[in-house]
């Protein structure tokens, strides 16, 4: 029964994170992008911090390591990443944004190899990283006559956010914390939300209260409660049960969800270059993680076989 639960949670996570890109597209019609990102994490932090305060005894940051972890996660993975994601998505479809975001595991491995050393980045692993970025180039559909506009600039902005996530994730590995991953995420969301509000003010965005229009309200509630607070609880639950390799495979289901949902709900186009670029990114991931794949495939097959 627990195996069925894990599979259900895995696909629930993919649906929530894939749907988040579509919800961003919907809400951008009602909010300035950075303010919208701030409201997402206001709501997410309210839900998740309340949850950890009620359910965990060691839920409040107490050490320098705790604060450093909140700085890495809240400053980079939440604030920098989401500010750039929401700005970049003004120029892209949900599918293209999510495919660009699938670079996160690859970029994280590359940053880890440079910062703390990593066995994955040998010659073939480096080729995998290069292929992944070539795939993003295909997804960006660059127009030589207009490299500073359209989809290309959106993908470029989101890619910088991906690098921020990678640096923040690797930075977390260099510090020790005294509380759980869920607690860390809640406090990081709160810190990140405050930073994003500061970014919004600094950029001169018009400040307004959350919209009460039904599409805007639904998109914000989905992003803040389901795709952030609930999704991260699912993520850390599965991380403990499945391990990092299996759970990170969700990064390659999310773009499928986002692309199909965006096409169905928002009539977003899906071009052959978008599909080809995603395929190249997946090949790059396969080269980079080929040793982990070889180790994990027999275990995955045995888990699937055990379901029947």
C-alpha atoms as a PDB file:
ATOM      1  CA  UNK A   1       0.000   0.000   0.000  1.00  0.00           C
ATOM      2  CA  UNK A   2       2.861   2.413   0.784  1.00  0.00           C
ATOM      3  CA  UNK A   3       4.209   1.929  -2.756  1.00  0.00           C
ATOM      4  CA  UNK A   4       0.880   2.983  -4.246  1.00  0.00           C
ATOM      5  CA  UNK A   5       0.876   5.974  -1.893  1.00  0.00           C
ATOM      6  CA  UNK A   6       4.370   6.999  -2.994  1.00  0.00           C
ATOM      7  CA  UNK A   7       3.370   6.810  -6.654  1.00  0.00           C
ATOM      8  CA  UNK A   8       0.220   8.821  -5.989  1.00  0.00           C
ATOM      9  CA  UNK A   9       2.205  11.458  -4.082  1.00  0.00           C
ATOM     10  CA  UNK A  10       4.851  11.603  -6.841  1.00  0.00           C
ATOM     11  CA  UNK A  11       2.257  12.369  -9.512  1.00  0.00           C
ATOM     12  CA  UNK A  12       0.391  14.742  -7.190  1.00  0.00           C
ATOM     13  CA  UNK A  13       3.648  16.670  -6.775  1.00  0.00           C
ATOM     14  CA  UNK A  14       4.163  16.749 -10.544  1.00  0.00           C
ATOM     15  CA  UNK A  15       0.602  18.011 -11.046  1.00  0.00           C
ATOM     16  CA  UNK A  16       0.993  20.730  -8.417  1.00  0.00           C
ATOM     17  CA  UNK A  17       4.367  21.967  -9.645  1.00  0.00           C
ATOM     18  CA  UNK A  18       3.381  21.644 -13.296  1.00  0.00           C
ATOM     19  CA  UNK A  19       0.156  23.512 -12.655  1.00  0.00           C
ATOM     20  CA  UNK A  20       2.083  26.294 -10.918  1.00  0.00           C
ATOM     21  CA  UNK A  21       3.503  27.520 -14.222  1.00  0.00           C
ATOM     22  CA  UNK A  22      -0.009  27.800 -15.648  1.00  0.00           C
ATOM     23  CA  UNK A  23      -1.210  29.599 -12.510  1.00  0.00           C
ATOM     24  CA  UNK A  24       1.634  32.094 -12.885  1.00  0.00           C
ATOM     25  CA  UNK A  25       0.511  32.821 -16.454  1.00  0.00           C
ATOM     26  CA  UNK A  26      -3.060  33.415 -15.269  1.00  0.00           C
ATOM     27  CA  UNK A  27      -2.081  35.731 -12.415  1.00  0.00           C
ATOM     28  CA  UNK A  28       0.264  37.849 -14.527  1.00  0.00           C
ATOM     29  CA  UNK A  29      -2.826  39.367 -16.133  1.00  0.00           C
ATOM     30  CA  UNK A  30      -3.740  40.879 -12.741  1.00  0.00           C
ATOM     31  CA  UNK A  31      -0.457  41.704 -10.958  1.00  0.00           C
ATOM     32  CA  UNK A  32       2.976  43.151 -11.598  1.00  0.00           C
ATOM     33  CA  UNK A  33       5.234  40.067 -11.754  1.00  0.00           C
ATOM     34  CA  UNK A  34       7.445  40.581  -8.700  1.00  0.00           C
ATOM     35  CA  UNK A  35       4.548  41.667  -6.473  1.00  0.00           C
ATOM     36  CA  UNK A  36       2.701  38.536  -7.604  1.00  0.00           C
ATOM     37  CA  UNK A  37       5.673  36.390  -6.561  1.00  0.00           C
ATOM     38  CA  UNK A  38       5.710  38.156  -3.179  1.00  0.00           C
ATOM     39  CA  UNK A  39       2.027  37.411  -2.587  1.00  0.00           C
ATOM     40  CA  UNK A  40       2.623  33.756  -3.475  1.00  0.00           C
ATOM     41  CA  UNK A  41       5.162  33.404  -0.688  1.00  0.00           C
ATOM     42  CA  UNK A  42       3.264  35.564   1.788  1.00  0.00           C
ATOM     43  CA  UNK A  43       0.521  32.970   1.605  1.00  0.00           C
ATOM     44  CA  UNK A  44       2.863  29.979   1.452  1.00  0.00           C
ATOM     45  CA  UNK A  45       4.870  31.182   4.460  1.00  0.00           C
ATOM     46  CA  UNK A  46       1.719  31.821   6.480  1.00  0.00           C
ATOM     47  CA  UNK A  47       0.536  28.253   5.880  1.00  0.00           C
ATOM     48  CA  UNK A  48       3.865  26.451   6.254  1.00  0.00           C
ATOM     49  CA  UNK A  49       5.254  28.383   9.236  1.00  0.00           C
ATOM     50  CA  UNK A  50       1.929  27.905  11.041  1.00  0.00           C
ATOM     51  CA  UNK A  51       2.118  24.198  10.265  1.00  0.00           C
ATOM     52  CA  UNK A  52       5.643  23.731  11.619  1.00  0.00           C
ATOM     53  CA  UNK A  53       4.956  25.777  14.740  1.00  0.00           C
ATOM     54  CA  UNK A  54       1.979  23.555  15.504  1.00  0.00           C
ATOM     55  CA  UNK A  55       3.543  20.198  14.629  1.00  0.00           C
ATOM     56  CA  UNK A  56       7.297  20.373  15.329  1.00  0.00           C
ATOM     57  CA  UNK A  57       9.055  20.949  18.638  1.00  0.00           C
ATOM     58  CA  UNK A  58      12.300  22.149  17.003  1.00  0.00           C
ATOM     59  CA  UNK A  59      10.743  24.574  14.567  1.00  0.00           C
ATOM     60  CA  UNK A  60      12.413  27.934  15.310  1.00  0.00           C
ATOM     61  CA  UNK A  61      15.873  28.883  13.969  1.00  0.00           C
ATOM     62  CA  UNK A  62      18.430  28.974  16.781  1.00  0.00           C
ATOM     63  CA  UNK A  63      21.923  28.643  15.346  1.00  0.00           C
ATOM     64  CA  UNK A  64      24.100  30.460  12.841  1.00  0.00           C
ATOM     65  CA  UNK A  65      23.764  27.458  10.585  1.00  0.00           C
ATOM     66  CA  UNK A  66      19.977  27.821  10.684  1.00  0.00           C
ATOM     67  CA  UNK A  67      20.241  31.473   9.687  1.00  0.00           C
ATOM     68  CA  UNK A  68      22.759  30.724   6.945  1.00  0.00           C
ATOM     69  CA  UNK A  69      20.482  28.020   5.559  1.00  0.00           C
ATOM     70  CA  UNK A  70      17.518  30.409   5.575  1.00  0.00           C
ATOM     71  CA  UNK A  71      19.711  32.955   3.787  1.00  0.00           C
ATOM     72  CA  UNK A  72      20.744  30.507   1.050  1.00  0.00           C
ATOM     73  CA  UNK A  73      17.270  29.074   0.579  1.00  0.00           C
ATOM     74  CA  UNK A  74      15.188  32.207   1.150  1.00  0.00           C
ATOM     75  CA  UNK A  75      17.536  34.622  -0.573  1.00  0.00           C
ATOM     76  CA  UNK A  76      18.403  32.558  -3.632  1.00  0.00           C
ATOM     77  CA  UNK A  77      15.977  29.652  -4.111  1.00  0.00           C
ATOM     78  CA  UNK A  78      12.900  31.668  -3.106  1.00  0.00           C
ATOM     79  CA  UNK A  79      13.516  35.384  -3.637  1.00  0.00           C
ATOM     80  CA  UNK A  80      15.977  35.622  -6.534  1.00  0.00           C
ATOM     81  CA  UNK A  81      14.651  32.569  -8.337  1.00  0.00           C
ATOM     82  CA  UNK A  82      10.949  33.401  -8.147  1.00  0.00           C
ATOM     83  CA  UNK A  83      11.378  37.086  -8.915  1.00  0.00           C
ATOM     84  CA  UNK A  84      13.215  36.098 -12.089  1.00  0.00           C
ATOM     85  CA  UNK A  85      10.775  33.290 -12.893  1.00  0.00           C
ATOM     86  CA  UNK A  86       7.712  35.528 -12.677  1.00  0.00           C
ATOM     87  CA  UNK A  87       9.391  38.281 -14.706  1.00  0.00           C
ATOM     88  CA  UNK A  88      10.641  35.805 -17.298  1.00  0.00           C
ATOM     89  CA  UNK A  89       7.290  34.121 -17.678  1.00  0.00           C
ATOM     90  CA  UNK A  90       5.856  37.340 -19.081  1.00  0.00           C
ATOM     91  CA  UNK A  91       7.717  36.424 -22.285  1.00  0.00           C
ATOM     92  CA  UNK A  92       7.154  32.653 -22.438  1.00  0.00           C
ATOM     93  CA  UNK A  93       4.479  30.003 -22.270  1.00  0.00           C
ATOM     94  CA  UNK A  94       3.971  27.768 -19.249  1.00  0.00           C
ATOM     95  CA  UNK A  95       5.563  24.857 -21.108  1.00  0.00           C
ATOM     96  CA  UNK A  96       8.687  26.746 -22.143  1.00  0.00           C
ATOM     97  CA  UNK A  97       9.174  28.136 -18.629  1.00  0.00           C
ATOM     98  CA  UNK A  98       8.819  24.678 -17.075  1.00  0.00           C
ATOM     99  CA  UNK A  99      11.205  23.078 -19.574  1.00  0.00           C
ATOM    100  CA  UNK A 100      13.789  25.755 -18.817  1.00  0.00           C
ATOM    101  CA  UNK A 101      13.266  25.074 -15.133  1.00  0.00           C
ATOM    102  CA  UNK A 102      14.043  21.371 -15.688  1.00  0.00           C
ATOM    103  CA  UNK A 103      17.676  22.494 -15.832  1.00  0.00           C
ATOM    104  CA  UNK A 104      17.704  22.740 -12.032  1.00  0.00           C
ATOM    105  CA  UNK A 105      19.106  19.232 -11.280  1.00  0.00           C
ATOM    106  CA  UNK A 106      21.726  19.636 -14.005  1.00  0.00           C
ATOM    107  CA  UNK A 107      22.781  23.132 -12.967  1.00  0.00           C
ATOM    108  CA  UNK A 108      22.913  22.005  -9.327  1.00  0.00           C
ATOM    109  CA  UNK A 109      25.262  19.144 -10.190  1.00  0.00           C
ATOM    110  CA  UNK A 110      27.499  21.521 -12.151  1.00  0.00           C
ATOM    111  CA  UNK A 111      27.619  24.077  -9.317  1.00  0.00           C
ATOM    112  CA  UNK A 112      28.306  21.303  -6.785  1.00  0.00           C
ATOM    113  CA  UNK A 113      31.207  20.013  -8.882  1.00  0.00           C
ATOM    114  CA  UNK A 114      32.785  23.458  -8.943  1.00  0.00           C
ATOM    115  CA  UNK A 115      32.019  24.408  -5.327  1.00  0.00           C
ATOM    116  CA  UNK A 116      32.328  21.228  -3.279  1.00  0.00           C
ATOM    117  CA  UNK A 117      33.491  18.632  -5.796  1.00  0.00           C
ATOM    118  CA  UNK A 118      31.287  16.112  -7.533  1.00  0.00           C
ATOM    119  CA  UNK A 119      31.908  12.757  -9.147  1.00  0.00           C
ATOM    120  CA  UNK A 120      29.218  13.223 -11.821  1.00  0.00           C
ATOM    121  CA  UNK A 121      31.072  15.892 -13.739  1.00  0.00           C
ATOM    122  CA  UNK A 122      33.603  13.849 -15.710  1.00  0.00           C
ATOM    123  CA  UNK A 123      33.951  14.323 -19.488  1.00  0.00           C
ATOM    124  CA  UNK A 124      30.605  12.672 -20.266  1.00  0.00           C
ATOM    125  CA  UNK A 125      28.920  14.509 -17.414  1.00  0.00           C
ATOM    126  CA  UNK A 126      30.278  17.815 -18.724  1.00  0.00           C
ATOM    127  CA  UNK A 127      28.933  16.905 -22.167  1.00  0.00           C
ATOM    128  CA  UNK A 128      25.559  16.289 -20.512  1.00  0.00           C
ATOM    129  CA  UNK A 129      25.595  19.787 -19.012  1.00  0.00           C
ATOM    130  CA  UNK A 130      26.473  21.293 -22.401  1.00  0.00           C
ATOM    131  CA  UNK A 131      23.701  19.319 -24.107  1.00  0.00           C
ATOM    132  CA  UNK A 132      21.200  20.487 -21.509  1.00  0.00           C
ATOM    133  CA  UNK A 133      21.980  24.119 -22.210  1.00  0.00           C
ATOM    134  CA  UNK A 134      21.832  23.429 -25.958  1.00  0.00           C
ATOM    135  CA  UNK A 135      18.355  22.037 -25.313  1.00  0.00           C
ATOM    136  CA  UNK A 136      17.373  25.240 -23.552  1.00  0.00           C
ATOM    137  CA  UNK A 137      18.709  27.146 -26.547  1.00  0.00           C
ATOM    138  CA  UNK A 138      16.352  25.176 -28.780  1.00  0.00           C
ATOM    139  CA  UNK A 139      13.454  25.834 -26.426  1.00  0.00           C
ATOM    140  CA  UNK A 140      14.278  29.563 -26.471  1.00  0.00           C
ATOM    141  CA  UNK A 141      13.807  29.612 -30.270  1.00  0.00           C
ATOM    142  CA  UNK A 142      16.335  32.432 -30.713  1.00  0.00           C
ATOM    143  CA  UNK A 143      15.660  34.926 -33.470  1.00  0.00           C
ATOM    144  CA  UNK A 144      19.017  36.386 -34.658  1.00  0.00           C
ATOM    145  CA  UNK A 145      17.207  39.591 -35.551  1.00  0.00           C
ATOM    146  CA  UNK A 146      15.662  39.961 -32.076  1.00  0.00           C
ATOM    147  CA  UNK A 147      17.842  38.267 -29.451  1.00  0.00           C
ATOM    148  CA  UNK A 148      16.864  40.850 -26.829  1.00  0.00           C
ATOM    149  CA  UNK A 149      13.148  40.212 -27.014  1.00  0.00           C
ATOM    150  CA  UNK A 150      10.400  37.634 -27.015  1.00  0.00           C
ATOM    151  CA  UNK A 151      10.860  34.084 -25.797  1.00  0.00           C
ATOM    152  CA  UNK A 152      14.655  34.331 -25.864  1.00  0.00           C
ATOM    153  CA  UNK A 153      14.855  36.978 -23.170  1.00  0.00           C
ATOM    154  CA  UNK A 154      12.241  35.180 -21.077  1.00  0.00           C
ATOM    155  CA  UNK A 155      14.229  31.932 -21.169  1.00  0.00           C
ATOM    156  CA  UNK A 156      17.411  33.872 -20.392  1.00  0.00           C
ATOM    157  CA  UNK A 157      15.848  35.496 -17.315  1.00  0.00           C
ATOM    158  CA  UNK A 158      14.439  32.192 -16.061  1.00  0.00           C
ATOM    159  CA  UNK A 159      17.818  30.513 -16.631  1.00  0.00           C
ATOM    160  CA  UNK A 160      19.467  33.024 -14.304  1.00  0.00           C
ATOM    161  CA  UNK A 161      16.851  32.048 -11.715  1.00  0.00           C
ATOM    162  CA  UNK A 162      17.757  28.388 -12.251  1.00  0.00           C
ATOM    163  CA  UNK A 163      21.385  29.198 -11.467  1.00  0.00           C
ATOM    164  CA  UNK A 164      20.251  31.001  -8.307  1.00  0.00           C
ATOM    165  CA  UNK A 165      18.399  27.848  -7.226  1.00  0.00           C
ATOM    166  CA  UNK A 166      21.476  25.739  -7.938  1.00  0.00           C
ATOM    167  CA  UNK A 167      23.783  28.000  -5.922  1.00  0.00           C
ATOM    168  CA  UNK A 168      21.283  28.141  -3.062  1.00  0.00           C
ATOM    169  CA  UNK A 169      20.856  24.357  -3.035  1.00  0.00           C
ATOM    170  CA  UNK A 170      24.584  23.701  -2.978  1.00  0.00           C
ATOM    171  CA  UNK A 171      25.100  26.399  -0.371  1.00  0.00           C
ATOM    172  CA  UNK A 172      22.694  24.519   1.903  1.00  0.00           C
ATOM    173  CA  UNK A 173      25.018  21.519   1.797  1.00  0.00           C
ATOM    174  CA  UNK A 174      27.800  23.572   3.364  1.00  0.00           C
ATOM    175  CA  UNK A 175      25.913  24.439   6.575  1.00  0.00           C
ATOM    176  CA  UNK A 176      24.460  22.423   9.436  1.00  0.00           C
ATOM    177  CA  UNK A 177      20.976  23.117  10.723  1.00  0.00           C
ATOM    178  CA  UNK A 178      19.149  22.203  13.910  1.00  0.00           C
ATOM    179  CA  UNK A 179      15.637  21.895  12.493  1.00  0.00           C
ATOM    180  CA  UNK A 180      13.806  19.884   9.828  1.00  0.00           C
ATOM    181  CA  UNK A 181      13.750  20.544   6.106  1.00  0.00           C
ATOM    182  CA  UNK A 182      10.076  21.497   6.299  1.00  0.00           C
ATOM    183  CA  UNK A 183      10.798  24.054   9.038  1.00  0.00           C
ATOM    184  CA  UNK A 184      13.690  25.442   7.020  1.00  0.00           C
ATOM    185  CA  UNK A 185      11.459  25.783   3.971  1.00  0.00           C
ATOM    186  CA  UNK A 186       8.772  27.630   5.926  1.00  0.00           C
ATOM    187  CA  UNK A 187      11.192  30.186   7.355  1.00  0.00           C
ATOM    188  CA  UNK A 188      12.956  30.515   3.995  1.00  0.00           C
ATOM    189  CA  UNK A 189       9.613  31.298   2.367  1.00  0.00           C
ATOM    190  CA  UNK A 190       8.936  33.990   4.968  1.00  0.00           C
ATOM    191  CA  UNK A 191      12.380  35.558   4.504  1.00  0.00           C
ATOM    192  CA  UNK A 192      12.078  35.245   0.744  1.00  0.00           C
ATOM    193  CA  UNK A 193       8.648  36.883   0.722  1.00  0.00           C
ATOM    194  CA  UNK A 194      10.010  39.909   2.591  1.00  0.00           C
ATOM    195  CA  UNK A 195      12.903  40.190   0.140  1.00  0.00           C
ATOM    196  CA  UNK A 196      10.598  39.934  -2.868  1.00  0.00           C
ATOM    197  CA  UNK A 197       8.402  42.734  -1.498  1.00  0.00           C
ATOM    198  CA  UNK A 198      11.577  44.800  -1.217  1.00  0.00           C
ATOM    199  CA  UNK A 199      12.481  43.966  -4.832  1.00  0.00           C
ATOM    200  CA  UNK A 200       8.977  44.965  -5.949  1.00  0.00           C
ATOM    201  CA  UNK A 201       9.209  48.314  -4.188  1.00  0.00           C
ATOM    202  CA  UNK A 202      12.725  48.902  -5.501  1.00  0.00           C
ATOM    203  CA  UNK A 203      11.599  48.233  -9.069  1.00  0.00           C
ATOM    204  CA  UNK A 204       8.821  50.773  -8.678  1.00  0.00           C
ATOM    205  CA  UNK A 205       6.001  48.325  -9.277  1.00  0.00           C
ATOM    206  CA  UNK A 206       2.563  49.698  -8.405  1.00  0.00           C
ATOM    207  CA  UNK A 207       1.552  48.262  -5.047  1.00  0.00           C
ATOM    208  CA  UNK A 208      -1.963  46.887  -4.814  1.00  0.00           C
ATOM    209  CA  UNK A 209      -3.933  44.516  -2.647  1.00  0.00           C
ATOM    210  CA  UNK A 210      -4.531  40.977  -3.924  1.00  0.00           C
ATOM    211  CA  UNK A 211      -7.188  40.926  -6.625  1.00  0.00           C
ATOM    212  CA  UNK A 212     -10.604  39.505  -5.796  1.00  0.00           C
ATOM    213  CA  UNK A 213     -11.242  38.511  -9.430  1.00  0.00           C
ATOM    214  CA  UNK A 214     -11.971  34.782  -9.449  1.00  0.00           C
ATOM    215  CA  UNK A 215      -9.141  33.744 -11.843  1.00  0.00           C
ATOM    216  CA  UNK A 216      -6.590  35.822  -9.923  1.00  0.00           C
ATOM    217  CA  UNK A 217      -7.783  34.580  -6.540  1.00  0.00           C
ATOM    218  CA  UNK A 218      -7.817  30.952  -7.681  1.00  0.00           C
ATOM    219  CA  UNK A 219      -4.335  31.212  -9.193  1.00  0.00           C
ATOM    220  CA  UNK A 220      -2.897  32.819  -6.055  1.00  0.00           C
ATOM    221  CA  UNK A 221      -4.493  30.271  -3.713  1.00  0.00           C
ATOM    222  CA  UNK A 222      -3.254  27.427  -5.899  1.00  0.00           C
ATOM    223  CA  UNK A 223       0.285  28.835  -5.960  1.00  0.00           C
ATOM    224  CA  UNK A 224       0.533  29.790  -2.303  1.00  0.00           C
ATOM    225  CA  UNK A 225      -1.258  26.879  -0.634  1.00  0.00           C
ATOM    226  CA  UNK A 226      -1.109  23.891  -2.985  1.00  0.00           C
ATOM    227  CA  UNK A 227       1.925  24.425  -5.227  1.00  0.00           C
ATOM    228  CA  UNK A 228       4.107  25.827  -2.426  1.00  0.00           C
ATOM    229  CA  UNK A 229       3.125  24.841   1.122  1.00  0.00           C
ATOM    230  CA  UNK A 230       1.465  21.479   0.395  1.00  0.00           C
ATOM    231  CA  UNK A 231       3.815  20.553  -2.444  1.00  0.00           C
ATOM    232  CA  UNK A 232       6.933  21.044  -0.332  1.00  0.00           C
ATOM    233  CA  UNK A 233       5.564  18.849   2.449  1.00  0.00           C
ATOM    234  CA  UNK A 234       4.962  16.156  -0.193  1.00  0.00           C
ATOM    235  CA  UNK A 235       8.443  16.720  -1.607  1.00  0.00           C
ATOM    236  CA  UNK A 236      10.232  16.226   1.702  1.00  0.00           C
ATOM    237  CA  UNK A 237       8.032  13.232   2.563  1.00  0.00           C
ATOM    238  CA  UNK A 238       9.038  11.551  -0.700  1.00  0.00           C
ATOM    239  CA  UNK A 239      12.653  12.633  -0.358  1.00  0.00           C
ATOM    240  CA  UNK A 240      12.865  10.701   2.918  1.00  0.00           C
ATOM    241  CA  UNK A 241      11.122   7.651   1.440  1.00  0.00           C
ATOM    242  CA  UNK A 242      12.560   7.502  -2.089  1.00  0.00           C
ATOM    243  CA  UNK A 243      15.872   9.347  -1.980  1.00  0.00           C
ATOM    244  CA  UNK A 244      17.133  12.288  -4.047  1.00  0.00           C
ATOM    245  CA  UNK A 245      17.500  10.554  -7.419  1.00  0.00           C
ATOM    246  CA  UNK A 246      13.957   9.225  -7.677  1.00  0.00           C
ATOM    247  CA  UNK A 247      12.290  12.363  -6.366  1.00  0.00           C
ATOM    248  CA  UNK A 248      14.289  14.600  -8.707  1.00  0.00           C
ATOM    249  CA  UNK A 249      12.809  12.700 -11.647  1.00  0.00           C
ATOM    250  CA  UNK A 250       9.718  14.813 -10.989  1.00  0.00           C
ATOM    251  CA  UNK A 251      11.607  17.629 -12.749  1.00  0.00           C
ATOM    252  CA  UNK A 252      11.012  15.761 -16.011  1.00  0.00           C
ATOM    253  CA  UNK A 253       7.318  15.069 -15.423  1.00  0.00           C
ATOM    254  CA  UNK A 254       6.526  18.673 -14.446  1.00  0.00           C
ATOM    255  CA  UNK A 255       7.209  20.104 -17.963  1.00  0.00           C
ATOM    256  CA  UNK A 256       4.865  17.541 -19.508  1.00  0.00           C
ATOM    257  CA  UNK A 257       2.116  18.560 -17.075  1.00  0.00           C
ATOM    258  CA  UNK A 258       2.749  22.276 -17.599  1.00  0.00           C
ATOM    259  CA  UNK A 259       2.922  22.014 -21.391  1.00  0.00           C
ATOM    260  CA  UNK A 260      -0.238  19.909 -21.737  1.00  0.00           C
ATOM    261  CA  UNK A 261      -2.174  21.992 -19.191  1.00  0.00           C
ATOM    262  CA  UNK A 262      -1.082  25.254 -20.780  1.00  0.00           C
ATOM    263  CA  UNK A 263      -2.125  24.008 -24.219  1.00  0.00           C
ATOM    264  CA  UNK A 264      -5.511  22.811 -22.976  1.00  0.00           C
ATOM    265  CA  UNK A 265      -6.442  25.673 -20.644  1.00  0.00           C
ATOM    266  CA  UNK A 266      -4.648  28.653 -22.193  1.00  0.00           C
ATOM    267  CA  UNK A 267      -4.311  27.509 -25.831  1.00  0.00           C
ATOM    268  CA  UNK A 268      -0.535  27.924 -25.616  1.00  0.00           C
ATOM    269  CA  UNK A 269       1.335  26.719 -28.717  1.00  0.00           C
ATOM    270  CA  UNK A 270       3.704  23.748 -28.553  1.00  0.00           C
ATOM    271  CA  UNK A 271       6.325  23.860 -31.305  1.00  0.00           C
ATOM    272  CA  UNK A 272       8.573  21.035 -32.568  1.00  0.00           C
ATOM    273  CA  UNK A 273      11.606  22.997 -31.303  1.00  0.00           C
ATOM    274  CA  UNK A 274      10.107  23.044 -27.802  1.00  0.00           C
ATOM    275  CA  UNK A 275       9.694  19.262 -27.834  1.00  0.00           C
ATOM    276  CA  UNK A 276      13.152  18.731 -29.344  1.00  0.00           C
ATOM    277  CA  UNK A 277      14.771  21.009 -26.791  1.00  0.00           C
ATOM    278  CA  UNK A 278      13.174  19.135 -23.912  1.00  0.00           C
ATOM    279  CA  UNK A 279      14.363  15.826 -25.390  1.00  0.00           C
ATOM    280  CA  UNK A 280      17.932  17.154 -25.588  1.00  0.00           C
ATOM    281  CA  UNK A 281      17.762  18.312 -21.955  1.00  0.00           C
ATOM    282  CA  UNK A 282      16.626  14.828 -20.892  1.00  0.00           C
ATOM    283  CA  UNK A 283      19.536  13.278 -22.826  1.00  0.00           C
ATOM    284  CA  UNK A 284      21.899  15.676 -21.065  1.00  0.00           C
ATOM    285  CA  UNK A 285      20.466  14.634 -17.706  1.00  0.00           C
ATOM    286  CA  UNK A 286      20.937  10.992 -18.688  1.00  0.00           C
ATOM    287  CA  UNK A 287      24.613  11.534 -19.482  1.00  0.00           C
ATOM    288  CA  UNK A 288      25.229  13.502 -16.319  1.00  0.00           C
ATOM    289  CA  UNK A 289      23.446  10.998 -14.071  1.00  0.00           C
ATOM    290  CA  UNK A 290      24.266   7.798 -15.968  1.00  0.00           C
ATOM    291  CA  UNK A 291      25.969   6.158 -12.970  1.00  0.00           C
ATOM    292  CA  UNK A 292      23.033   6.922 -10.678  1.00  0.00           C
ATOM    293  CA  UNK A 293      20.624   5.686 -13.359  1.00  0.00           C
ATOM    294  CA  UNK A 294      22.542   2.403 -13.686  1.00  0.00           C
ATOM    295  CA  UNK A 295      22.386   1.963  -9.901  1.00  0.00           C
ATOM    296  CA  UNK A 296      18.737   2.936  -9.540  1.00  0.00           C
ATOM    297  CA  UNK A 297      17.064   1.273 -12.535  1.00  0.00           C
ATOM    298  CA  UNK A 298      17.105  -2.283 -11.056  1.00  0.00           C
ATOM    299  CA  UNK A 299      15.631  -0.962  -7.806  1.00  0.00           C
ATOM    300  CA  UNK A 300      12.980   1.028  -9.667  1.00  0.00           C
ATOM    301  CA  UNK A 301      12.038  -2.024 -11.730  1.00  0.00           C
ATOM    302  CA  UNK A 302      11.731  -4.139  -8.614  1.00  0.00           C
ATOM    303  CA  UNK A 303       9.495  -1.504  -6.984  1.00  0.00           C
ATOM    304  CA  UNK A 304       7.264  -1.375 -10.063  1.00  0.00           C
ATOM    305  CA  UNK A 305       7.195  -5.170 -10.271  1.00  0.00           C
ATOM    306  CA  UNK A 306       6.111  -5.322  -6.653  1.00  0.00           C
ATOM    307  CA  UNK A 307       2.951  -3.396  -7.519  1.00  0.00           C
ATOM    308  CA  UNK A 308       1.607  -6.229  -9.690  1.00  0.00           C
END
